Amino acid sequence: MPDPGPSRKLSWAGLWVPFLVAGLLVAGWSAGWVYAARQVEAGLERGVANLRAAGTEVAWTSKRLSGYPFRLNLALSDLRVATGGWVLETSDLEAQAFLHAPRNWLLATPAGLVVTRPEGGGLEVRGRRILASFALAAEGIPRVSVEGLSLTYRPLPGAQPFALAGAERLELHLRPGPNDQAAVFLRLEGGVPEPGRLFAELGGGAPVSGQLEAIADRASLLGQPTALRAWSAAGGRLELRQAGLTTGETRLSVTSPGLGASPDGRLTGRLTLRAAGPPEVLQVLLRHGVISPDEAAGGLAAAGLAGQSAADTQIDVELSARGARWVRPR
């Protein structure tokens, strides 16, 4: 048999070129991640500067950006946001976005949060899961979803009680629509009423469930730092398509052709409240200040509620920013 020919040696280029290509790809990907991380930091600084210029206080003790190579993870410790008498605080806020979708963020607060109400004081909110997602847009309002599971509400020492002690599920969704409109959806499931508060008296301690569907016009103004003021000044209106609450034998529903906002951020306008349930439902609403006693006293007398069955107690009430005006008993 003939002697085999001399073996061919791999050239230097054939041996190292694959490694060089891989190194260039890694270097390029790393540079892209660093650039995206810097963009996130710059966007955060711009947003905070705009909020502070509008009178909103934003502060944290430490900031950490990680997630290389495929994610952008932002962690803020001891975050505090205060505006209009409201304060939101959390010891640990975690935000995450994929490198290929830097405008879509998922937020979580594993340790819960504390909400300080202007008149009610601090309220500690904890849950098995508290998440929020934001799909940022180049202009206008973002797509927002907030979800809380197995929630508990605990007023801090010296604070006023809250209407609920807990909830199995709470959802809030904001979706931009055509003609500068936005849809708002709110759903509550398995609410646990706080003893002695409105919901507990309305349903005798039964679980609370409810939902709300509304359409807001001039929605792009809601994305500005001075959201409610700018929205109100431009004639923004909120149309309640559907809003209702059920607890025990009591059913409440609310509709409104349009609500606005006052300079201090309070909703103004008129709405129609329909209450159905036991005869004492309206008396409970009066006792808790939902209906103005002075303006509703005549309607209570005209309704003749005493001795009626639960199915017969159904009355329409028209509310305004200054109280309630009786419309028609049924």
C-alpha atoms as a PDB file:
ATOM      1  CA  MET A   1       0.000   0.000   0.000  1.00  0.00           C
ATOM      2  CA  PRO A   2       1.269   3.506  -0.735  1.00  0.00           C
ATOM      3  CA  ASP A   3       2.594   5.548   2.137  1.00  0.00           C
ATOM      4  CA  PRO A   4       0.082   8.098   3.481  1.00  0.00           C
ATOM      5  CA  GLY A   5       0.801  11.699   2.636  1.00  0.00           C
ATOM      6  CA  PRO A   6       1.931  14.189   5.270  1.00  0.00           C
ATOM      7  CA  SER A   7      -0.907  15.413   7.582  1.00  0.00           C
ATOM      8  CA  ARG A   8      -2.164  18.957   6.993  1.00  0.00           C
ATOM      9  CA  LYS A   9      -1.580  21.375   9.852  1.00  0.00           C
ATOM     10  CA  LEU A  10      -4.258  23.872  10.830  1.00  0.00           C
ATOM     11  CA  SER A  11      -3.281  27.409  10.091  1.00  0.00           C
ATOM     12  CA  TRP A  12      -3.074  30.013  12.861  1.00  0.00           C
ATOM     13  CA  ALA A  13      -6.037  31.866  11.392  1.00  0.00           C
ATOM     14  CA  GLY A  14      -8.233  28.756  11.290  1.00  0.00           C
ATOM     15  CA  LEU A  15      -7.454  28.054  14.930  1.00  0.00           C
ATOM     16  CA  TRP A  16      -8.035  31.535  16.431  1.00  0.00           C
ATOM     17  CA  VAL A  17     -10.607  33.214  14.175  1.00  0.00           C
ATOM     18  CA  PRO A  18     -13.648  31.537  15.860  1.00  0.00           C
ATOM     19  CA  PHE A  19     -12.410  32.705  19.261  1.00  0.00           C
ATOM     20  CA  LEU A  20     -11.833  36.219  17.967  1.00  0.00           C
ATOM     21  CA  VAL A  21     -15.355  36.354  16.486  1.00  0.00           C
ATOM     22  CA  ALA A  22     -16.845  35.100  19.744  1.00  0.00           C
ATOM     23  CA  GLY A  23     -14.829  37.671  21.699  1.00  0.00           C
ATOM     24  CA  LEU A  24     -16.013  40.489  19.447  1.00  0.00           C
ATOM     25  CA  LEU A  25     -19.626  39.379  19.877  1.00  0.00           C
ATOM     26  CA  VAL A  26     -19.271  39.284  23.664  1.00  0.00           C
ATOM     27  CA  ALA A  27     -17.588  42.688  23.679  1.00  0.00           C
ATOM     28  CA  GLY A  28     -20.307  44.164  21.461  1.00  0.00           C
ATOM     29  CA  TRP A  29     -23.096  42.669  23.618  1.00  0.00           C
ATOM     30  CA  SER A  30     -21.388  43.955  26.777  1.00  0.00           C
ATOM     31  CA  ALA A  31     -21.075  47.434  25.306  1.00  0.00           C
ATOM     32  CA  GLY A  32     -24.754  47.347  24.375  1.00  0.00           C
ATOM     33  CA  TRP A  33     -25.715  46.335  27.907  1.00  0.00           C
ATOM     34  CA  VAL A  34     -23.608  49.130  29.417  1.00  0.00           C
ATOM     35  CA  TYR A  35     -25.192  51.639  27.034  1.00  0.00           C
ATOM     36  CA  ALA A  36     -28.708  50.440  27.921  1.00  0.00           C
ATOM     37  CA  ALA A  37     -27.898  50.600  31.652  1.00  0.00           C
ATOM     38  CA  ARG A  38     -26.686  54.178  31.297  1.00  0.00           C
ATOM     39  CA  GLN A  39     -29.855  55.060  29.397  1.00  0.00           C
ATOM     40  CA  VAL A  40     -31.909  53.642  32.255  1.00  0.00           C
ATOM     41  CA  GLU A  41     -29.981  55.715  34.788  1.00  0.00           C
ATOM     42  CA  ALA A  42     -30.319  58.848  32.662  1.00  0.00           C
ATOM     43  CA  GLY A  43     -34.067  58.275  32.216  1.00  0.00           C
ATOM     44  CA  LEU A  44     -34.497  57.727  35.948  1.00  0.00           C
ATOM     45  CA  GLU A  45     -32.666  60.973  36.723  1.00  0.00           C
ATOM     46  CA  ARG A  46     -34.775  62.920  34.212  1.00  0.00           C
ATOM     47  CA  GLY A  47     -37.995  61.509  35.585  1.00  0.00           C
ATOM     48  CA  VAL A  48     -37.046  62.268  39.180  1.00  0.00           C
ATOM     49  CA  ALA A  49     -35.974  65.802  38.221  1.00  0.00           C
ATOM     50  CA  ASN A  50     -39.346  66.425  36.544  1.00  0.00           C
ATOM     51  CA  LEU A  51     -41.229  65.118  39.571  1.00  0.00           C
ATOM     52  CA  ARG A  52     -39.208  67.252  41.966  1.00  0.00           C
ATOM     53  CA  ALA A  53     -39.755  70.320  39.801  1.00  0.00           C
ATOM     54  CA  ALA A  54     -43.507  69.680  40.080  1.00  0.00           C
ATOM     55  CA  GLY A  55     -43.328  69.486  43.877  1.00  0.00           C
ATOM     56  CA  THR A  56     -43.082  65.713  44.332  1.00  0.00           C
ATOM     57  CA  GLU A  57     -40.462  64.475  46.780  1.00  0.00           C
ATOM     58  CA  VAL A  58     -38.505  61.394  45.633  1.00  0.00           C
ATOM     59  CA  ALA A  59     -35.630  59.905  47.634  1.00  0.00           C
ATOM     60  CA  TRP A  60     -33.851  56.598  48.286  1.00  0.00           C
ATOM     61  CA  THR A  61     -30.791  55.516  50.263  1.00  0.00           C
ATOM     62  CA  SER A  62     -29.124  53.248  47.692  1.00  0.00           C
ATOM     63  CA  LYS A  63     -29.458  52.253  44.036  1.00  0.00           C
ATOM     64  CA  ARG A  64     -28.157  49.128  42.315  1.00  0.00           C
ATOM     65  CA  LEU A  65     -28.263  48.259  38.597  1.00  0.00           C
ATOM     66  CA  SER A  66     -27.494  44.680  37.542  1.00  0.00           C
ATOM     67  CA  GLY A  67     -28.839  41.872  35.338  1.00  0.00           C
ATOM     68  CA  TYR A  68     -26.024  41.383  32.803  1.00  0.00           C
ATOM     69  CA  PRO A  69     -26.156  39.897  30.182  1.00  0.00           C
ATOM     70  CA  PHE A  70     -29.861  39.653  29.272  1.00  0.00           C
ATOM     71  CA  ARG A  71     -31.747  41.758  31.830  1.00  0.00           C
ATOM     72  CA  LEU A  72     -31.786  45.207  33.359  1.00  0.00           C
ATOM     73  CA  ASN A  73     -32.439  44.945  37.103  1.00  0.00           C
ATOM     74  CA  LEU A  74     -32.901  48.110  39.124  1.00  0.00           C
ATOM     75  CA  ALA A  75     -33.111  47.934  42.930  1.00  0.00           C
ATOM     76  CA  LEU A  76     -33.910  50.931  45.131  1.00  0.00           C
ATOM     77  CA  SER A  77     -33.623  50.754  48.913  1.00  0.00           C
ATOM     78  CA  ASP A  78     -35.772  52.824  51.287  1.00  0.00           C
ATOM     79  CA  LEU A  79     -37.712  54.524  48.497  1.00  0.00           C
ATOM     80  CA  ARG A  80     -39.948  57.427  49.530  1.00  0.00           C
ATOM     81  CA  VAL A  81     -42.345  59.328  47.241  1.00  0.00           C
ATOM     82  CA  ALA A  82     -44.446  62.180  48.670  1.00  0.00           C
ATOM     83  CA  THR A  83     -46.929  64.436  46.876  1.00  0.00           C
ATOM     84  CA  GLY A  84     -50.144  66.247  47.785  1.00  0.00           C
ATOM     85  CA  GLY A  85     -50.167  64.927  51.334  1.00  0.00           C
ATOM     86  CA  TRP A  86     -49.772  61.303  50.174  1.00  0.00           C
ATOM     87  CA  VAL A  87     -46.575  59.394  50.972  1.00  0.00           C
ATOM     88  CA  LEU A  88     -45.533  55.993  49.604  1.00  0.00           C
ATOM     89  CA  GLU A  89     -42.600  54.178  51.218  1.00  0.00           C
ATOM     90  CA  THR A  90     -41.016  50.787  50.676  1.00  0.00           C
ATOM     91  CA  SER A  91     -37.779  49.337  51.982  1.00  0.00           C
ATOM     92  CA  ASP A  92     -37.077  47.416  48.775  1.00  0.00           C
ATOM     93  CA  LEU A  93     -38.328  48.121  45.254  1.00  0.00           C
ATOM     94  CA  GLU A  94     -37.201  45.747  42.504  1.00  0.00           C
ATOM     95  CA  ALA A  95     -37.667  46.592  38.820  1.00  0.00           C
ATOM     96  CA  GLN A  96     -36.743  44.410  35.853  1.00  0.00           C
ATOM     97  CA  ALA A  97     -36.763  44.712  32.062  1.00  0.00           C
ATOM     98  CA  PHE A  98     -35.291  42.560  29.290  1.00  0.00           C
ATOM     99  CA  LEU A  99     -32.437  44.068  27.319  1.00  0.00           C
ATOM    100  CA  HIS A 100     -34.366  43.721  24.055  1.00  0.00           C
ATOM    101  CA  ALA A 101     -37.441  45.503  25.554  1.00  0.00           C
ATOM    102  CA  PRO A 102     -36.131  48.316  27.771  1.00  0.00           C
ATOM    103  CA  ARG A 103     -39.504  50.105  27.827  1.00  0.00           C
ATOM    104  CA  ASN A 104     -41.410  47.219  29.445  1.00  0.00           C
ATOM    105  CA  TRP A 105     -40.803  47.014  33.200  1.00  0.00           C
ATOM    106  CA  LEU A 106     -42.000  44.723  35.961  1.00  0.00           C
ATOM    107  CA  LEU A 107     -41.943  46.099  39.528  1.00  0.00           C
ATOM    108  CA  ALA A 108     -42.215  44.218  42.818  1.00  0.00           C
ATOM    109  CA  THR A 109     -42.121  45.098  46.521  1.00  0.00           C
ATOM    110  CA  PRO A 110     -41.294  41.872  48.393  1.00  0.00           C
ATOM    111  CA  ALA A 111     -41.406  43.615  51.777  1.00  0.00           C
ATOM    112  CA  GLY A 112     -44.690  45.413  51.074  1.00  0.00           C
ATOM    113  CA  LEU A 113     -45.177  49.157  51.357  1.00  0.00           C
ATOM    114  CA  VAL A 114     -46.534  51.886  53.600  1.00  0.00           C
ATOM    115  CA  VAL A 115     -49.070  54.413  52.286  1.00  0.00           C
ATOM    116  CA  THR A 116     -49.581  57.564  54.355  1.00  0.00           C
ATOM    117  CA  ARG A 117     -52.984  59.142  53.717  1.00  0.00           C
ATOM    118  CA  PRO A 118     -53.453  62.916  54.024  1.00  0.00           C
ATOM    119  CA  GLU A 119     -56.160  62.553  56.657  1.00  0.00           C
ATOM    120  CA  GLY A 120     -56.039  58.892  57.654  1.00  0.00           C
ATOM    121  CA  GLY A 121     -52.365  58.419  58.508  1.00  0.00           C
ATOM    122  CA  GLY A 122     -50.060  55.517  57.699  1.00  0.00           C
ATOM    123  CA  LEU A 123     -51.326  52.206  56.308  1.00  0.00           C
ATOM    124  CA  GLU A 124     -49.054  49.171  55.988  1.00  0.00           C
ATOM    125  CA  VAL A 125     -49.830  46.988  52.954  1.00  0.00           C
ATOM    126  CA  ARG A 126     -48.385  43.487  52.674  1.00  0.00           C
ATOM    127  CA  GLY A 127     -49.215  40.545  50.462  1.00  0.00           C
ATOM    128  CA  ARG A 128     -48.118  37.258  48.980  1.00  0.00           C
ATOM    129  CA  ARG A 129     -47.482  39.147  45.768  1.00  0.00           C
ATOM    130  CA  ILE A 130     -47.533  42.877  44.939  1.00  0.00           C
ATOM    131  CA  LEU A 131     -46.565  43.515  41.324  1.00  0.00           C
ATOM    132  CA  ALA A 132     -46.870  46.307  38.781  1.00  0.00           C
ATOM    133  CA  SER A 133     -46.029  46.371  35.078  1.00  0.00           C
ATOM    134  CA  PHE A 134     -45.355  49.444  32.934  1.00  0.00           C
ATOM    135  CA  ALA A 135     -45.142  49.598  29.154  1.00  0.00           C
ATOM    136  CA  LEU A 136     -43.659  53.066  28.584  1.00  0.00           C
ATOM    137  CA  ALA A 137     -44.688  54.959  25.459  1.00  0.00           C
ATOM    138  CA  ALA A 138     -42.750  57.567  23.526  1.00  0.00           C
ATOM    139  CA  GLU A 139     -45.517  60.029  24.415  1.00  0.00           C
ATOM    140  CA  GLY A 140     -48.790  59.920  26.275  1.00  0.00           C
ATOM    141  CA  ILE A 141     -49.619  57.583  29.127  1.00  0.00           C
ATOM    142  CA  PRO A 142     -48.123  54.098  29.531  1.00  0.00           C
ATOM    143  CA  ARG A 143     -49.942  50.780  29.808  1.00  0.00           C
ATOM    144  CA  VAL A 144     -50.102  50.060  33.528  1.00  0.00           C
ATOM    145  CA  SER A 145     -51.207  46.989  35.482  1.00  0.00           C
ATOM    146  CA  VAL A 146     -51.075  46.538  39.258  1.00  0.00           C
ATOM    147  CA  GLU A 147     -51.880  43.267  41.021  1.00  0.00           C
ATOM    148  CA  GLY A 148     -51.948  42.301  44.675  1.00  0.00           C
ATOM    149  CA  LEU A 149     -52.672  38.825  46.063  1.00  0.00           C
ATOM    150  CA  SER A 150     -53.495  37.859  49.661  1.00  0.00           C
ATOM    151  CA  LEU A 151     -53.251  41.452  50.806  1.00  0.00           C
ATOM    152  CA  THR A 152     -53.406  42.682  54.395  1.00  0.00           C
ATOM    153  CA  TYR A 153     -53.960  46.275  55.518  1.00  0.00           C
ATOM    154  CA  ARG A 154     -52.755  47.400  58.957  1.00  0.00           C
ATOM    155  CA  PRO A 155     -53.044  51.021  60.131  1.00  0.00           C
ATOM    156  CA  LEU A 156     -49.903  52.255  61.850  1.00  0.00           C
ATOM    157  CA  PRO A 157     -50.086  53.475  65.461  1.00  0.00           C
ATOM    158  CA  GLY A 158     -52.082  56.696  65.656  1.00  0.00           C
ATOM    159  CA  ALA A 159     -53.613  56.264  62.171  1.00  0.00           C
ATOM    160  CA  GLN A 160     -57.292  55.940  61.387  1.00  0.00           C
ATOM    161  CA  PRO A 161     -58.716  52.500  60.532  1.00  0.00           C
ATOM    162  CA  PHE A 162     -59.050  51.437  56.899  1.00  0.00           C
ATOM    163  CA  ALA A 163     -62.267  50.153  55.332  1.00  0.00           C
ATOM    164  CA  LEU A 164     -60.670  46.736  54.612  1.00  0.00           C
ATOM    165  CA  ALA A 165     -58.496  44.472  56.724  1.00  0.00           C
ATOM    166  CA  GLY A 166     -57.414  42.449  53.684  1.00  0.00           C
ATOM    167  CA  ALA A 167     -58.279  41.223  50.188  1.00  0.00           C
ATOM    168  CA  GLU A 168     -57.731  38.037  48.243  1.00  0.00           C
ATOM    169  CA  ARG A 169     -57.090  39.920  45.011  1.00  0.00           C
ATOM    170  CA  LEU A 170     -56.887  43.532  43.853  1.00  0.00           C
ATOM    171  CA  GLU A 171     -56.277  44.549  40.229  1.00  0.00           C
ATOM    172  CA  LEU A 172     -55.881  47.928  38.540  1.00  0.00           C
ATOM    173  CA  HIS A 173     -55.349  48.374  34.795  1.00  0.00           C
ATOM    174  CA  LEU A 174     -54.849  51.510  32.704  1.00  0.00           C
ATOM    175  CA  ARG A 175     -55.023  51.159  28.922  1.00  0.00           C
ATOM    176  CA  PRO A 176     -54.548  53.999  26.412  1.00  0.00           C
ATOM    177  CA  GLY A 177     -57.136  54.253  23.660  1.00  0.00           C
ATOM    178  CA  PRO A 178     -57.917  56.301  20.546  1.00  0.00           C
ATOM    179  CA  ASN A 179     -58.724  60.019  20.517  1.00  0.00           C
ATOM    180  CA  ASP A 180     -56.528  60.652  23.563  1.00  0.00           C
ATOM    181  CA  GLN A 181     -58.710  58.469  25.786  1.00  0.00           C
ATOM    182  CA  ALA A 182     -57.783  55.822  28.330  1.00  0.00           C
ATOM    183  CA  ALA A 183     -59.713  52.994  29.961  1.00  0.00           C
ATOM    184  CA  VAL A 184     -59.481  52.334  33.697  1.00  0.00           C
ATOM    185  CA  PHE A 185     -60.371  48.948  35.196  1.00  0.00           C
ATOM    186  CA  LEU A 186     -60.435  48.147  38.924  1.00  0.00           C
ATOM    187  CA  ARG A 187     -61.455  44.822  40.472  1.00  0.00           C
ATOM    188  CA  LEU A 188     -61.621  43.680  44.103  1.00  0.00           C
ATOM    189  CA  GLU A 189     -62.173  40.062  45.138  1.00  0.00           C
ATOM    190  CA  GLY A 190     -62.532  38.572  48.589  1.00  0.00           C
ATOM    191  CA  GLY A 191     -62.257  41.829  50.521  1.00  0.00           C
ATOM    192  CA  VAL A 192     -62.204  41.395  54.299  1.00  0.00           C
ATOM    193  CA  PRO A 193     -64.099  44.302  55.902  1.00  0.00           C
ATOM    194  CA  GLU A 194     -62.625  46.006  58.956  1.00  0.00           C
ATOM    195  CA  PRO A 195     -64.992  45.539  61.941  1.00  0.00           C
ATOM    196  CA  GLY A 196     -66.999  48.651  62.706  1.00  0.00           C
ATOM    197  CA  ARG A 197     -66.297  50.271  59.349  1.00  0.00           C
ATOM    198  CA  LEU A 198     -68.634  50.970  56.423  1.00  0.00           C
ATOM    199  CA  PHE A 199     -68.301  47.684  54.527  1.00  0.00           C
ATOM    200  CA  ALA A 200     -68.662  45.592  57.694  1.00  0.00           C
ATOM    201  CA  GLU A 201     -71.941  47.312  58.590  1.00  0.00           C
ATOM    202  CA  LEU A 202     -73.292  47.170  55.045  1.00  0.00           C
ATOM    203  CA  GLY A 203     -72.803  43.421  54.661  1.00  0.00           C
ATOM    204  CA  GLY A 204     -72.720  42.178  58.247  1.00  0.00           C
ATOM    205  CA  GLY A 205     -69.049  41.224  57.936  1.00  0.00           C
ATOM    206  CA  ALA A 206     -69.493  39.319  54.651  1.00  0.00           C
ATOM    207  CA  PRO A 207     -66.702  39.392  52.020  1.00  0.00           C
ATOM    208  CA  VAL A 208     -66.626  42.397  49.708  1.00  0.00           C
ATOM    209  CA  SER A 209     -66.266  42.289  45.931  1.00  0.00           C
ATOM    210  CA  GLY A 210     -66.441  45.118  43.437  1.00  0.00           C
ATOM    211  CA  GLN A 211     -65.385  46.444  40.068  1.00  0.00           C
ATOM    212  CA  LEU A 212     -65.074  49.722  38.219  1.00  0.00           C
ATOM    213  CA  GLU A 213     -64.859  50.578  34.530  1.00  0.00           C
ATOM    214  CA  ALA A 214     -64.274  54.160  33.428  1.00  0.00           C
ATOM    215  CA  ILE A 215     -63.131  56.151  30.396  1.00  0.00           C
ATOM    216  CA  ALA A 216     -60.914  59.233  30.812  1.00  0.00           C
ATOM    217  CA  ASP A 217     -60.519  61.785  28.038  1.00  0.00           C
ATOM    218  CA  ARG A 218     -57.432  63.977  27.509  1.00  0.00           C
ATOM    219  CA  ALA A 219     -55.542  61.043  28.968  1.00  0.00           C
ATOM    220  CA  SER A 220     -52.127  62.169  27.710  1.00  0.00           C
ATOM    221  CA  LEU A 221     -52.183  64.918  30.333  1.00  0.00           C
ATOM    222  CA  LEU A 222     -52.325  62.286  33.082  1.00  0.00           C
ATOM    223  CA  GLY A 223     -48.739  61.358  32.300  1.00  0.00           C
ATOM    224  CA  GLN A 224     -47.434  64.800  33.247  1.00  0.00           C
ATOM    225  CA  PRO A 225     -45.898  65.534  36.657  1.00  0.00           C
ATOM    226  CA  THR A 226     -48.782  67.901  37.495  1.00  0.00           C
ATOM    227  CA  ALA A 227     -51.272  65.321  36.227  1.00  0.00           C
ATOM    228  CA  LEU A 228     -54.564  66.171  37.943  1.00  0.00           C
ATOM    229  CA  ARG A 229     -54.080  69.935  37.771  1.00  0.00           C
ATOM    230  CA  ALA A 230     -53.214  69.926  34.066  1.00  0.00           C
ATOM    231  CA  TRP A 231     -55.997  67.442  33.330  1.00  0.00           C
ATOM    232  CA  SER A 232     -58.584  69.499  35.203  1.00  0.00           C
ATOM    233  CA  ALA A 233     -57.447  72.801  33.666  1.00  0.00           C
ATOM    234  CA  ALA A 234     -57.836  71.310  30.184  1.00  0.00           C
ATOM    235  CA  GLY A 235     -61.388  70.174  30.926  1.00  0.00           C
ATOM    236  CA  GLY A 236     -60.602  66.515  31.454  1.00  0.00           C
ATOM    237  CA  ARG A 237     -63.561  64.282  32.286  1.00  0.00           C
ATOM    238  CA  LEU A 238     -63.935  60.778  33.719  1.00  0.00           C
ATOM    239  CA  GLU A 239     -66.974  58.793  32.597  1.00  0.00           C
ATOM    240  CA  LEU A 240     -68.035  55.955  34.882  1.00  0.00           C
ATOM    241  CA  ARG A 241     -69.279  53.173  32.629  1.00  0.00           C
ATOM    242  CA  GLN A 242     -69.808  50.679  35.429  1.00  0.00           C
ATOM    243  CA  ALA A 243     -69.016  50.647  39.141  1.00  0.00           C
ATOM    244  CA  GLY A 244     -70.475  48.321  41.722  1.00  0.00           C
ATOM    245  CA  LEU A 245     -69.894  46.708  45.089  1.00  0.00           C
ATOM    246  CA  THR A 246     -71.472  43.653  46.680  1.00  0.00           C
ATOM    247  CA  THR A 247     -71.277  42.530  50.304  1.00  0.00           C
ATOM    248  CA  GLY A 248     -73.780  40.161  51.879  1.00  0.00           C
ATOM    249  CA  GLU A 249     -77.286  41.181  50.794  1.00  0.00           C
ATOM    250  CA  THR A 250     -76.195  44.738  49.970  1.00  0.00           C
ATOM    251  CA  ARG A 251     -75.507  45.878  46.418  1.00  0.00           C
ATOM    252  CA  LEU A 252     -74.250  49.354  45.513  1.00  0.00           C
ATOM    253  CA  SER A 253     -73.825  50.672  41.973  1.00  0.00           C
ATOM    254  CA  VAL A 254     -72.574  54.034  40.756  1.00  0.00           C
ATOM    255  CA  THR A 255     -72.759  55.721  37.346  1.00  0.00           C
ATOM    256  CA  SER A 256     -71.768  59.189  36.148  1.00  0.00           C
ATOM    257  CA  PRO A 257     -71.725  60.939  32.759  1.00  0.00           C
ATOM    258  CA  GLY A 258     -68.596  62.856  33.741  1.00  0.00           C
ATOM    259  CA  LEU A 259     -66.416  63.709  36.730  1.00  0.00           C
ATOM    260  CA  GLY A 260     -63.691  66.352  36.846  1.00  0.00           C
ATOM    261  CA  ALA A 261     -60.980  67.287  39.339  1.00  0.00           C
ATOM    262  CA  SER A 262     -60.588  70.300  41.622  1.00  0.00           C
ATOM    263  CA  PRO A 263     -57.243  72.140  41.970  1.00  0.00           C
ATOM    264  CA  ASP A 264     -56.506  70.153  45.136  1.00  0.00           C
ATOM    265  CA  GLY A 265     -56.931  66.850  43.298  1.00  0.00           C
ATOM    266  CA  ARG A 266     -60.427  65.901  44.521  1.00  0.00           C
ATOM    267  CA  LEU A 267     -63.008  64.544  42.094  1.00  0.00           C
ATOM    268  CA  THR A 268     -65.896  66.895  41.338  1.00  0.00           C
ATOM    269  CA  GLY A 269     -69.175  66.460  39.504  1.00  0.00           C
ATOM    270  CA  ARG A 270     -72.288  64.388  39.964  1.00  0.00           C
ATOM    271  CA  LEU A 271     -72.954  60.683  40.062  1.00  0.00           C
ATOM    272  CA  THR A 272     -75.905  58.413  40.702  1.00  0.00           C
ATOM    273  CA  LEU A 273     -75.720  55.910  43.551  1.00  0.00           C
ATOM    274  CA  ARG A 274     -78.184  53.045  43.703  1.00  0.00           C
ATOM    275  CA  ALA A 275     -78.393  51.058  46.932  1.00  0.00           C
ATOM    276  CA  ALA A 276     -80.261  47.764  47.216  1.00  0.00           C
ATOM    277  CA  GLY A 277     -80.415  45.560  50.283  1.00  0.00           C
ATOM    278  CA  PRO A 278     -81.814  45.553  53.828  1.00  0.00           C
ATOM    279  CA  PRO A 279     -83.844  48.576  54.993  1.00  0.00           C
ATOM    280  CA  GLU A 280     -80.962  49.959  57.078  1.00  0.00           C
ATOM    281  CA  VAL A 281     -78.566  50.314  54.108  1.00  0.00           C
ATOM    282  CA  LEU A 282     -79.202  54.025  53.619  1.00  0.00           C
ATOM    283  CA  GLN A 283     -78.992  54.664  57.340  1.00  0.00           C
ATOM    284  CA  VAL A 284     -75.534  53.069  57.329  1.00  0.00           C
ATOM    285  CA  LEU A 285     -74.488  55.262  54.386  1.00  0.00           C
ATOM    286  CA  LEU A 286     -75.699  58.332  56.253  1.00  0.00           C
ATOM    287  CA  ARG A 287     -73.909  57.355  59.449  1.00  0.00           C
ATOM    288  CA  HIS A 288     -70.583  56.984  57.628  1.00  0.00           C
ATOM    289  CA  GLY A 289     -70.914  60.236  55.689  1.00  0.00           C
ATOM    290  CA  VAL A 290     -71.374  58.722  52.224  1.00  0.00           C
ATOM    291  CA  ILE A 291     -74.663  60.615  51.950  1.00  0.00           C
ATOM    292  CA  SER A 292     -75.067  64.094  53.469  1.00  0.00           C
ATOM    293  CA  PRO A 293     -77.535  63.823  56.372  1.00  0.00           C
ATOM    294  CA  ASP A 294     -79.000  67.307  55.830  1.00  0.00           C
ATOM    295  CA  GLU A 295     -79.624  66.901  52.114  1.00  0.00           C
ATOM    296  CA  ALA A 296     -80.783  63.283  52.279  1.00  0.00           C
ATOM    297  CA  ALA A 297     -83.106  63.544  55.311  1.00  0.00           C
ATOM    298  CA  GLY A 298     -86.078  64.498  53.174  1.00  0.00           C
ATOM    299  CA  GLY A 299     -85.456  61.621  50.817  1.00  0.00           C
ATOM    300  CA  LEU A 300     -85.277  59.123  53.667  1.00  0.00           C
ATOM    301  CA  ALA A 301     -88.626  60.291  54.983  1.00  0.00           C
ATOM    302  CA  ALA A 302     -90.188  60.092  51.519  1.00  0.00           C
ATOM    303  CA  ALA A 303     -88.814  56.635  50.836  1.00  0.00           C
ATOM    304  CA  GLY A 304     -90.745  55.064  53.689  1.00  0.00           C
ATOM    305  CA  LEU A 305     -88.112  52.424  54.302  1.00  0.00           C
ATOM    306  CA  ALA A 306     -89.395  51.193  57.650  1.00  0.00           C
ATOM    307  CA  GLY A 307     -90.680  47.642  57.383  1.00  0.00           C
ATOM    308  CA  GLN A 308     -89.736  47.086  53.757  1.00  0.00           C
ATOM    309  CA  SER A 309     -88.091  43.896  52.627  1.00  0.00           C
ATOM    310  CA  ALA A 310     -84.558  43.725  51.276  1.00  0.00           C
ATOM    311  CA  ALA A 311     -85.791  43.480  47.697  1.00  0.00           C
ATOM    312  CA  ASP A 312     -87.839  46.681  48.054  1.00  0.00           C
ATOM    313  CA  THR A 313     -85.021  48.917  49.331  1.00  0.00           C
ATOM    314  CA  GLN A 314     -83.676  50.476  46.161  1.00  0.00           C
ATOM    315  CA  ILE A 315     -83.133  54.231  45.896  1.00  0.00           C
ATOM    316  CA  ASP A 316     -81.286  56.502  43.490  1.00  0.00           C
ATOM    317  CA  VAL A 317     -79.179  59.310  44.925  1.00  0.00           C
ATOM    318  CA  GLU A 318     -77.400  62.027  42.989  1.00  0.00           C
ATOM    319  CA  LEU A 319     -74.136  63.143  44.585  1.00  0.00           C
ATOM    320  CA  SER A 320     -72.033  66.231  43.948  1.00  0.00           C
ATOM    321  CA  ALA A 321     -68.754  67.526  45.295  1.00  0.00           C
ATOM    322  CA  ARG A 322     -70.643  69.355  48.071  1.00  0.00           C
ATOM    323  CA  GLY A 323     -72.904  66.551  49.212  1.00  0.00           C
ATOM    324  CA  ALA A 324     -75.942  64.567  48.118  1.00  0.00           C
ATOM    325  CA  ARG A 325     -79.236  65.595  46.599  1.00  0.00           C
ATOM    326  CA  TRP A 326     -82.208  63.241  46.622  1.00  0.00           C
ATOM    327  CA  VAL A 327     -83.475  62.246  43.188  1.00  0.00           C
ATOM    328  CA  ARG A 328     -86.235  59.671  43.363  1.00  0.00           C
ATOM    329  CA  PRO A 329     -87.066  56.809  45.748  1.00  0.00           C
ATOM    330  CA  ARG A 330     -88.009  53.471  44.270  1.00  0.00           C
END
